[in-house]
Amino acid sequence: MPGYELALILRKMGRPEVITTLKRTGQAIFEKGGIIRKIENLGTRELPYRIRVHDHSHTEGSYFLFKFDAPANTLTSLHDSFLRDIDIIRPSISKVEPVNFLEECTLEEELQPPAYRNSVQKLLKQGSKKKYKKGFKNLADEHI
């Protein structure tokens, strides 16, 4: 299952109401076959602009971030259910690409001076390549 982030802006509420809204959101993800990896509270802040939703105008909101895995075919129904929730001002689901570290790091290589490391040598080779656009000369070559 691919990984996703759900950024939520909740209307300004008391702590018990926020908890029930977060439980309801998590339950919706679980019902669609998703797995929640992490929930982050980003705090209550003033909104960058007034948002009018569900016949109310909002100037403050509580920001939350859900990191979850779910089947791709369930995202539209999840987003629709979040849009219908009167406590959620703005839901936004985005796909998170997995981070793959292909190179293994060894202690022996890291203890070498920088000039002898493979990663530094690759960067030096890449930086020393001349990068000319077609039809343009290097200004340093004209003065020689």
Protein backbone atom coordinates (compact mmCIF):
# COMPACT_ATOMS: atom_id res chain seq x y z
CA MET A 1 0.00 0.00 0.00
CA PRO A 2 1.34 3.45 -0.84
CA GLY A 3 1.95 6.03 1.87
CA TYR A 4 -0.08 9.22 2.18
CA GLU A 5 -0.24 12.36 4.30
CA LEU A 6 -3.53 13.87 5.36
CA ALA A 7 -3.24 17.51 6.37
CA LEU A 8 -6.31 18.63 8.32
CA ILE A 9 -7.45 22.02 9.49
CA LEU A 10 -10.11 21.65 12.16
CA ARG A 11 -12.39 24.44 13.30
CA LYS A 12 -11.61 26.02 16.66
CA MET A 13 -13.04 23.67 19.30
CA GLY A 14 -12.44 22.48 22.81
CA ARG A 15 -10.12 19.56 23.56
CA PRO A 16 -12.85 16.87 23.89
CA GLU A 17 -14.40 17.84 20.54
CA VAL A 18 -10.98 17.78 18.84
CA ILE A 19 -10.34 14.29 20.23
CA THR A 20 -13.67 12.96 18.95
CA THR A 21 -13.03 14.49 15.51
CA LEU A 22 -9.57 12.89 15.33
CA LYS A 23 -11.03 9.53 16.41
CA ARG A 24 -13.70 9.83 13.74
CA THR A 25 -11.06 10.63 11.13
CA GLY A 26 -8.87 7.71 12.20
CA GLN A 27 -11.86 5.37 12.23
CA ALA A 28 -12.69 6.38 8.65
CA ILE A 29 -9.13 5.50 7.57
CA PHE A 30 -9.32 2.13 9.37
CA GLU A 31 -12.71 1.29 7.81
CA LYS A 32 -11.26 1.79 4.32
CA GLY A 33 -8.41 -0.64 5.04
CA GLY A 34 -5.76 1.93 5.92
CA ILE A 35 -3.03 1.84 8.55
CA ILE A 36 -2.16 4.99 10.51
CA ARG A 37 1.59 5.43 11.00
CA LYS A 38 1.74 8.76 12.82
CA ILE A 39 -0.44 11.66 13.98
CA GLU A 40 1.14 15.08 14.53
CA ASN A 41 -0.44 18.08 16.21
CA LEU A 42 0.85 21.23 14.51
CA GLY A 43 -0.99 23.55 16.86
CA THR A 44 -3.83 26.07 16.75
CA ARG A 45 -3.12 29.11 14.61
CA GLU A 46 -4.78 31.96 12.85
CA LEU A 47 -5.67 30.97 9.29
CA PRO A 48 -3.82 32.80 6.49
CA TYR A 49 -7.17 34.00 5.18
CA ARG A 50 -10.80 33.69 6.20
CA ILE A 51 -12.26 30.37 5.07
CA ARG A 52 -15.99 29.98 4.64
CA VAL A 53 -17.18 26.37 4.77
CA HIS A 54 -20.42 24.70 5.94
CA ASP A 55 -22.12 28.13 6.20
CA HIS A 56 -19.59 29.38 8.79
CA SER A 57 -16.65 31.72 8.46
CA HIS A 58 -13.42 30.60 10.17
CA THR A 59 -10.38 32.70 11.10
CA GLU A 60 -8.60 30.21 13.43
CA GLY A 61 -7.99 26.51 13.12
CA SER A 62 -6.16 23.52 14.57
CA TYR A 63 -3.67 21.88 12.24
CA PHE A 64 -3.09 18.10 12.29
CA LEU A 65 -1.08 15.74 10.09
CA PHE A 66 -1.92 12.05 9.64
CA LYS A 67 0.65 9.78 8.00
CA PHE A 68 -1.02 6.58 6.81
CA ASP A 69 -0.96 3.77 4.27
CA ALA A 70 -4.11 2.91 2.34
CA PRO A 71 -5.22 1.35 -0.94
CA ALA A 72 -5.21 3.89 -3.76
CA ASN A 73 -8.83 3.23 -4.77
CA THR A 74 -10.17 4.38 -1.38
CA LEU A 75 -8.75 7.93 -1.44
CA THR A 76 -11.67 9.58 -3.20
CA SER A 77 -14.22 8.16 -0.78
CA LEU A 78 -12.02 9.16 2.18
CA HIS A 79 -11.66 12.69 0.87
CA ASP A 80 -15.40 12.96 0.27
CA SER A 81 -16.17 11.85 3.82
CA PHE A 82 -13.71 14.42 5.20
CA LEU A 83 -15.30 17.16 3.11
CA ARG A 84 -18.72 16.32 4.57
CA ASP A 85 -17.48 16.44 8.18
CA ILE A 86 -18.61 19.76 9.68
CA ASP A 87 -15.64 19.93 12.09
CA ILE A 88 -13.04 19.76 9.29
CA ILE A 89 -12.36 23.05 7.52
CA ARG A 90 -9.83 21.83 4.96
CA PRO A 91 -8.66 18.24 4.26
CA SER A 92 -5.74 17.64 1.92
CA ILE A 93 -4.38 14.20 0.99
CA SER A 94 -1.02 13.87 -0.74
CA LYS A 95 1.09 10.89 -1.70
CA VAL A 96 4.43 10.39 0.05
CA GLU A 97 7.20 8.75 -1.91
CA PRO A 98 9.14 6.12 0.03
CA VAL A 99 12.75 6.96 0.79
CA ASN A 100 15.15 4.30 -0.44
CA PHE A 101 18.78 4.46 0.56
CA LEU A 102 20.60 2.51 -2.10
CA GLU A 103 24.12 3.17 -0.89
CA GLU A 104 25.39 1.50 2.22
CA CYS A 105 27.48 3.59 4.53
CA THR A 106 30.44 1.89 6.13
CA LEU A 107 32.45 3.18 9.06
CA GLU A 108 35.71 2.53 7.23
CA GLU A 109 34.72 4.82 4.38
CA GLU A 110 33.51 7.56 6.73
CA LEU A 111 36.78 7.53 8.66
CA GLN A 112 38.79 8.25 5.50
CA PRO A 113 39.76 11.83 4.72
CA PRO A 114 37.14 13.54 2.49
CA ALA A 115 39.36 13.53 -0.59
CA TYR A 116 39.49 9.71 -0.59
CA ARG A 117 35.74 9.06 -0.13
CA ASN A 118 33.83 7.81 -3.17
CA SER A 119 30.92 10.19 -2.59
CA VAL A 120 33.23 13.24 -2.52
CA GLN A 121 35.09 12.07 -5.62
CA LYS A 122 31.78 11.76 -7.50
CA LEU A 123 30.83 15.30 -6.50
CA LEU A 124 34.23 16.64 -7.62
CA LYS A 125 33.88 14.94 -11.01
CA GLN A 126 30.39 16.31 -11.42
CA GLY A 127 31.51 19.84 -10.51
CA SER A 128 34.50 19.80 -12.85
CA LYS A 129 32.43 19.01 -15.95
CA LYS A 130 32.01 22.00 -18.24
CA LYS A 131 28.41 23.00 -18.66
CA TYR A 132 27.93 25.05 -21.80
CA LYS A 133 24.68 25.84 -23.43
CA LYS A 134 24.57 25.47 -27.18
CA GLY A 135 25.67 28.69 -28.85
CA PHE A 136 27.21 30.29 -25.75
CA LYS A 137 30.89 30.61 -24.91
CA ASN A 138 32.43 30.68 -21.49
CA LEU A 139 33.43 34.28 -20.68
CA ALA A 140 36.62 33.12 -18.98
CA ASP A 141 37.81 31.52 -22.25
CA GLU A 142 37.51 34.82 -24.18
CA HIS A 143 40.14 36.60 -22.08
CA ILE A 144 42.80 33.90 -22.49
